[in-house]
């Protein structure tokens, strides 16, 4: 076998544009959920520390900490959008000849 045909790659060549596996999608969603909930925890801690300095900052971080669980659940349950496929459908070729539409002086042949 010629050396140009041998591949030293550890991963196979990707010949399709298949969607990521369910396991990969689930892991990505879990990671997104964990990050969002970590941001929520940090915002609640910041709200507790800023309460003595600014009531507006405390309210902002408290609202953020209240809304983020809902956002995290919605993001975790959302899957990636499906790819828009353009199927190769049959399209008949244009006809060679086209019949003329009815004119005012149509010729009728009776038998």
Protein backbone atom coordinates (compact mmCIF):
# COMPACT_ATOMS: atom_id res chain seq x y z
CA UNK A 1 0.00 0.00 0.00
CA UNK A 2 1.30 3.45 -0.84
CA UNK A 3 2.34 5.67 2.03
CA UNK A 4 0.15 8.52 0.78
CA UNK A 5 -2.98 6.41 1.45
CA UNK A 6 -2.09 5.64 5.06
CA UNK A 7 -3.46 7.94 7.72
CA UNK A 8 -1.81 8.38 11.11
CA UNK A 9 -4.80 10.12 12.63
CA UNK A 10 -6.19 8.92 15.94
CA UNK A 11 -9.73 10.09 15.09
CA UNK A 12 -11.78 8.95 12.11
CA UNK A 13 -12.57 11.37 9.32
CA UNK A 14 -15.93 13.07 9.60
CA UNK A 15 -17.88 12.45 6.43
CA UNK A 16 -21.32 13.58 7.60
CA UNK A 17 -22.67 16.52 9.48
CA UNK A 18 -24.43 14.44 12.11
CA UNK A 19 -25.77 16.07 15.25
CA UNK A 20 -23.87 15.60 18.52
CA UNK A 21 -24.84 12.49 20.45
CA UNK A 22 -27.52 12.60 23.13
CA UNK A 23 -24.85 12.06 25.79
CA UNK A 24 -22.83 15.06 24.58
CA UNK A 25 -25.94 17.25 24.42
CA UNK A 26 -26.99 16.20 27.93
CA UNK A 27 -23.50 16.90 29.32
CA UNK A 28 -23.51 20.38 27.73
CA UNK A 29 -26.93 21.14 29.22
CA UNK A 30 -25.83 19.97 32.67
CA UNK A 31 -22.72 22.15 32.40
CA UNK A 32 -24.85 25.19 31.42
CA UNK A 33 -27.21 24.53 34.35
CA UNK A 34 -24.33 24.26 36.83
CA UNK A 35 -22.75 27.49 35.59
CA UNK A 36 -26.05 29.36 35.78
CA UNK A 37 -26.73 28.12 39.30
CA UNK A 38 -23.20 29.06 40.37
CA UNK A 39 -23.84 32.60 39.08
CA UNK A 40 -27.07 32.58 41.09
CA UNK A 41 -25.24 31.62 44.29
CA UNK A 42 -22.63 34.30 43.73
CA UNK A 43 -25.32 36.93 43.08
CA UNK A 44 -27.13 36.01 46.32
CA UNK A 45 -23.88 36.29 48.31
CA UNK A 46 -23.15 39.65 46.68
CA UNK A 47 -26.71 40.75 47.53
CA UNK A 48 -26.08 39.88 51.19
CA UNK A 49 -22.79 41.80 51.27
CA UNK A 50 -24.09 44.87 49.43
CA UNK A 51 -27.18 45.24 51.66
CA UNK A 52 -25.28 47.49 54.05
CA UNK A 53 -23.93 49.75 51.29
CA UNK A 54 -26.63 50.09 48.67
CA UNK A 55 -30.24 48.98 48.77
CA UNK A 56 -30.51 49.21 44.97
CA UNK A 57 -27.51 46.93 44.38
CA UNK A 58 -28.86 44.45 46.92
CA UNK A 59 -32.26 44.45 45.21
CA UNK A 60 -30.65 43.98 41.79
CA UNK A 61 -28.58 40.99 42.90
CA UNK A 62 -31.50 39.52 44.86
CA UNK A 63 -33.78 39.69 41.82
CA UNK A 64 -31.03 38.16 39.70
CA UNK A 65 -30.69 35.34 42.22
CA UNK A 66 -34.45 34.82 42.16
CA UNK A 67 -34.85 34.74 38.37
CA UNK A 68 -31.80 32.67 37.51
CA UNK A 69 -33.20 29.27 38.67
CA UNK A 70 -36.04 29.60 36.18
CA UNK A 71 -33.63 30.63 33.42
CA UNK A 72 -31.32 27.72 34.30
CA UNK A 73 -34.14 25.18 34.04
CA UNK A 74 -35.39 26.57 30.75
CA UNK A 75 -31.86 26.53 29.31
CA UNK A 76 -31.19 23.01 30.61
CA UNK A 77 -34.37 21.63 29.06
CA UNK A 78 -33.74 23.29 25.71
CA UNK A 79 -32.07 21.15 23.08
CA UNK A 80 -30.06 22.47 20.15
CA UNK A 81 -32.15 23.48 17.14
CA UNK A 82 -32.60 20.94 14.39
CA UNK A 83 -30.64 21.56 11.25
CA UNK A 84 -32.65 22.89 8.37
CA UNK A 85 -32.26 20.32 5.63
CA UNK A 86 -32.91 21.02 2.00
CA UNK A 87 -34.03 17.62 0.71
CA UNK A 88 -33.17 16.78 -2.84
CA UNK A 89 -36.69 16.66 -4.25
CA UNK A 90 -37.62 15.70 -7.77
CA UNK A 91 -38.31 18.68 -9.97
CA UNK A 92 -39.66 17.76 -13.38
CA UNK A 93 -37.85 19.40 -16.28
CA UNK A 94 -39.50 22.26 -18.13
CA UNK A 95 -41.52 21.04 -21.09
CA UNK A 96 -40.09 21.39 -24.59
CA UNK A 97 -43.33 22.75 -25.96
CA UNK A 98 -46.09 24.64 -24.23
CA UNK A 99 -49.67 24.66 -25.46
CA UNK A 100 -51.02 28.07 -26.19
CA UNK A 101 -53.74 29.34 -23.94
CA UNK A 102 -57.22 29.75 -25.35
CA UNK A 103 -57.50 32.66 -27.71
CA UNK A 104 -60.60 34.46 -28.93
CA UNK A 105 -60.40 32.70 -32.31
CA UNK A 106 -59.98 29.14 -31.08
CA UNK A 107 -60.30 26.49 -33.74
CA UNK A 108 -62.40 23.46 -32.80
CA UNK A 109 -62.34 20.28 -34.82
CA UNK A 110 -65.35 17.98 -34.38
CA UNK A 111 -65.33 14.44 -35.52
